[in-house]
Amino acid sequence: VQLVESGGGLVQPGGSLRLSCAASGFTLSLYTMRWYRQASGKEREWVAIITSGSGAIYYADSVKGRFTISRDNAKNTVYLQMNSLKPEDTAVYYCNADRGSVYWGRGTQVTVSS
């Protein structure tokens, strides 16, 4: 069982990035998937969620209207499209799969700076 995040990098304020979280060893569509982030010196915080089954979607207020979570069941991958990035979005971004048992990826660094 593995989750691997990718797509992070350095971007200027106002720019965009798309993060990917590829799952192996389990069927991602059966799990509620979440993106979290952790900035240096701060606690990990929840960013976005897409539930199993209905695929209901929710966002933290800090990213609402700028970030979009989606899921490609054929690719067993969940995405986080991040637009209008701000310096305060700088963090390591993690994906999480939850079906009672919880799996975490190792994270991908996103840095928003001019």
C-alpha atoms as a PDB file:
ATOM      1  CA  VAL A   1       0.000   0.000   0.000  1.00  0.00           C
ATOM      2  CA  GLN A   2       1.505   3.293  -1.073  1.00  0.00           C
ATOM      3  CA  LEU A   3       0.593   6.913  -1.737  1.00  0.00           C
ATOM      4  CA  VAL A   4       3.016   9.038  -3.719  1.00  0.00           C
ATOM      5  CA  GLU A   5       2.576  12.782  -4.080  1.00  0.00           C
ATOM      6  CA  SER A   6       4.136  14.753  -6.911  1.00  0.00           C
ATOM      7  CA  GLY A   7       3.841  18.086  -8.682  1.00  0.00           C
ATOM      8  CA  GLY A   8       5.230  20.407  -6.058  1.00  0.00           C
ATOM      9  CA  GLY A   9       7.791  23.089  -6.771  1.00  0.00           C
ATOM     10  CA  LEU A  10       8.593  26.767  -6.692  1.00  0.00           C
ATOM     11  CA  VAL A  11       5.983  29.142  -8.116  1.00  0.00           C
ATOM     12  CA  GLN A  12       5.480  32.891  -8.048  1.00  0.00           C
ATOM     13  CA  PRO A  13       2.533  34.438  -6.209  1.00  0.00           C
ATOM     14  CA  GLY A  14      -0.564  34.243  -8.376  1.00  0.00           C
ATOM     15  CA  GLY A  15       0.693  31.147 -10.129  1.00  0.00           C
ATOM     16  CA  SER A  16      -0.703  27.626 -10.315  1.00  0.00           C
ATOM     17  CA  LEU A  17       0.383  24.085  -9.580  1.00  0.00           C
ATOM     18  CA  ARG A  18      -1.334  20.733  -9.840  1.00  0.00           C
ATOM     19  CA  LEU A  19      -0.441  18.125  -7.252  1.00  0.00           C
ATOM     20  CA  SER A  20      -0.999  14.439  -7.862  1.00  0.00           C
ATOM     21  CA  CYS A  21      -1.380  11.613  -5.375  1.00  0.00           C
ATOM     22  CA  ALA A  22      -1.024   8.199  -6.950  1.00  0.00           C
ATOM     23  CA  ALA A  23      -2.231   5.174  -5.018  1.00  0.00           C
ATOM     24  CA  SER A  24      -0.953   1.631  -5.340  1.00  0.00           C
ATOM     25  CA  GLY A  25      -1.985  -1.505  -3.535  1.00  0.00           C
ATOM     26  CA  PHE A  26      -5.569  -0.411  -2.962  1.00  0.00           C
ATOM     27  CA  THR A  27      -8.552   1.047  -4.820  1.00  0.00           C
ATOM     28  CA  LEU A  28      -8.525   4.755  -4.199  1.00  0.00           C
ATOM     29  CA  SER A  29     -12.213   5.255  -5.054  1.00  0.00           C
ATOM     30  CA  LEU A  30     -13.207   3.207  -1.989  1.00  0.00           C
ATOM     31  CA  TYR A  31     -11.435   5.651   0.302  1.00  0.00           C
ATOM     32  CA  THR A  32     -12.140   9.172   1.447  1.00  0.00           C
ATOM     33  CA  MET A  33      -9.184  11.184   0.244  1.00  0.00           C
ATOM     34  CA  ARG A  34      -7.849  14.325   1.883  1.00  0.00           C
ATOM     35  CA  TRP A  35      -5.085  16.790   1.171  1.00  0.00           C
ATOM     36  CA  TYR A  36      -3.274  18.274   4.150  1.00  0.00           C
ATOM     37  CA  ARG A  37      -0.422  20.724   4.368  1.00  0.00           C
ATOM     38  CA  GLN A  38       2.170  21.582   6.951  1.00  0.00           C
ATOM     39  CA  ALA A  39       4.096  24.831   6.912  1.00  0.00           C
ATOM     40  CA  SER A  40       7.429  25.068   8.686  1.00  0.00           C
ATOM     41  CA  GLY A  41       6.908  25.450  12.418  1.00  0.00           C
ATOM     42  CA  LYS A  42       3.154  24.943  12.182  1.00  0.00           C
ATOM     43  CA  GLU A  43       0.745  22.081  12.731  1.00  0.00           C
ATOM     44  CA  ARG A  44      -0.539  20.015   9.831  1.00  0.00           C
ATOM     45  CA  GLU A  45      -3.860  21.351   8.570  1.00  0.00           C
ATOM     46  CA  TRP A  46      -6.590  19.901   6.430  1.00  0.00           C
ATOM     47  CA  VAL A  47      -7.019  21.506   3.005  1.00  0.00           C
ATOM     48  CA  ALA A  48      -9.536  19.532   0.950  1.00  0.00           C
ATOM     49  CA  ILE A  49     -11.549  16.328   1.016  1.00  0.00           C
ATOM     50  CA  ILE A  50     -13.315  14.151  -1.518  1.00  0.00           C
ATOM     51  CA  THR A  51     -15.427  11.391  -0.038  1.00  0.00           C
ATOM     52  CA  SER A  52     -15.721   7.838  -1.250  1.00  0.00           C
ATOM     53  CA  GLY A  53     -18.942   6.889  -3.010  1.00  0.00           C
ATOM     54  CA  SER A  54     -20.760  10.173  -3.675  1.00  0.00           C
ATOM     55  CA  GLY A  55     -17.574  12.124  -4.048  1.00  0.00           C
ATOM     56  CA  ALA A  56     -18.742  15.016  -1.885  1.00  0.00           C
ATOM     57  CA  ILE A  57     -16.123  17.757  -1.780  1.00  0.00           C
ATOM     58  CA  TYR A  58     -15.220  20.214   0.935  1.00  0.00           C
ATOM     59  CA  TYR A  59     -12.477  22.817   1.324  1.00  0.00           C
ATOM     60  CA  ALA A  60     -10.837  24.712   4.123  1.00  0.00           C
ATOM     61  CA  ASP A  61     -11.873  28.373   4.101  1.00  0.00           C
ATOM     62  CA  SER A  62      -8.282  29.405   3.420  1.00  0.00           C
ATOM     63  CA  VAL A  63      -8.286  27.724  -0.015  1.00  0.00           C
ATOM     64  CA  LYS A  64     -11.947  27.861  -1.025  1.00  0.00           C
ATOM     65  CA  GLY A  65     -12.353  29.273  -4.521  1.00  0.00           C
ATOM     66  CA  ARG A  66      -8.672  28.769  -5.358  1.00  0.00           C
ATOM     67  CA  PHE A  67      -8.050  25.025  -4.957  1.00  0.00           C
ATOM     68  CA  THR A  68      -9.893  22.148  -6.609  1.00  0.00           C
ATOM     69  CA  ILE A  69      -9.707  18.509  -5.544  1.00  0.00           C
ATOM     70  CA  SER A  70     -10.572  15.800  -8.053  1.00  0.00           C
ATOM     71  CA  ARG A  71     -10.215  12.071  -8.500  1.00  0.00           C
ATOM     72  CA  ASP A  72      -9.448   9.904 -11.549  1.00  0.00           C
ATOM     73  CA  ASN A  73     -10.544   6.405 -10.641  1.00  0.00           C
ATOM     74  CA  ALA A  74      -9.085   4.909 -13.813  1.00  0.00           C
ATOM     75  CA  LYS A  75      -5.655   6.237 -12.867  1.00  0.00           C
ATOM     76  CA  ASN A  76      -6.155   5.568  -9.143  1.00  0.00           C
ATOM     77  CA  THR A  77      -5.025   9.125  -8.548  1.00  0.00           C
ATOM     78  CA  VAL A  78      -6.348  12.182  -6.730  1.00  0.00           C
ATOM     79  CA  TYR A  79      -5.360  15.709  -7.700  1.00  0.00           C
ATOM     80  CA  LEU A  80      -5.204  19.123  -6.129  1.00  0.00           C
ATOM     81  CA  GLN A  81      -5.329  21.996  -8.599  1.00  0.00           C
ATOM     82  CA  MET A  82      -4.012  25.110  -6.894  1.00  0.00           C
ATOM     83  CA  ASN A  83      -4.602  28.500  -8.487  1.00  0.00           C
ATOM     84  CA  SER A  84      -3.941  32.061  -7.348  1.00  0.00           C
ATOM     85  CA  LEU A  85      -1.239  30.805  -5.032  1.00  0.00           C
ATOM     86  CA  LYS A  86      -0.128  32.963  -2.132  1.00  0.00           C
ATOM     87  CA  PRO A  87       3.087  32.943  -0.074  1.00  0.00           C
ATOM     88  CA  GLU A  88       1.065  31.587   2.846  1.00  0.00           C
ATOM     89  CA  ASP A  89       0.294  28.474   0.786  1.00  0.00           C
ATOM     90  CA  THR A  90       3.948  27.482   1.146  1.00  0.00           C
ATOM     91  CA  ALA A  91       4.047  24.096   2.863  1.00  0.00           C
ATOM     92  CA  VAL A  92       4.633  20.411   2.426  1.00  0.00           C
ATOM     93  CA  TYR A  93       1.443  18.934   0.982  1.00  0.00           C
ATOM     94  CA  TYR A  94       0.359  15.421   1.925  1.00  0.00           C
ATOM     95  CA  CYS A  95      -2.413  13.183   0.723  1.00  0.00           C
ATOM     96  CA  ASN A  96      -4.288  10.858   3.032  1.00  0.00           C
ATOM     97  CA  ALA A  97      -6.541   7.870   2.335  1.00  0.00           C
ATOM     98  CA  ASP A  98      -9.084   6.916   4.971  1.00  0.00           C
ATOM     99  CA  ARG A  99     -11.362   3.909   5.204  1.00  0.00           C
ATOM    100  CA  GLY A 100     -10.926   3.183   8.874  1.00  0.00           C
ATOM    101  CA  SER A 101      -7.343   2.341   8.083  1.00  0.00           C
ATOM    102  CA  VAL A 102      -5.444   5.495   7.218  1.00  0.00           C
ATOM    103  CA  TYR A 103      -2.549   5.844   4.793  1.00  0.00           C
ATOM    104  CA  TRP A 104      -0.288   8.835   4.248  1.00  0.00           C
ATOM    105  CA  GLY A 105       2.082   9.829   1.502  1.00  0.00           C
ATOM    106  CA  ARG A 106       5.495  11.366   2.147  1.00  0.00           C
ATOM    107  CA  GLY A 107       4.537  14.793   0.883  1.00  0.00           C
ATOM    108  CA  THR A 108       5.602  17.230  -1.795  1.00  0.00           C
ATOM    109  CA  GLN A 109       7.025  20.690  -1.151  1.00  0.00           C
ATOM    110  CA  VAL A 110       5.200  23.735  -2.492  1.00  0.00           C
ATOM    111  CA  THR A 111       6.973  27.077  -2.258  1.00  0.00           C
ATOM    112  CA  VAL A 112       5.253  30.290  -3.311  1.00  0.00           C
ATOM    113  CA  SER A 113       7.746  33.102  -3.567  1.00  0.00           C
ATOM    114  CA  SER A 114       8.870  35.854  -5.888  1.00  0.00           C
END
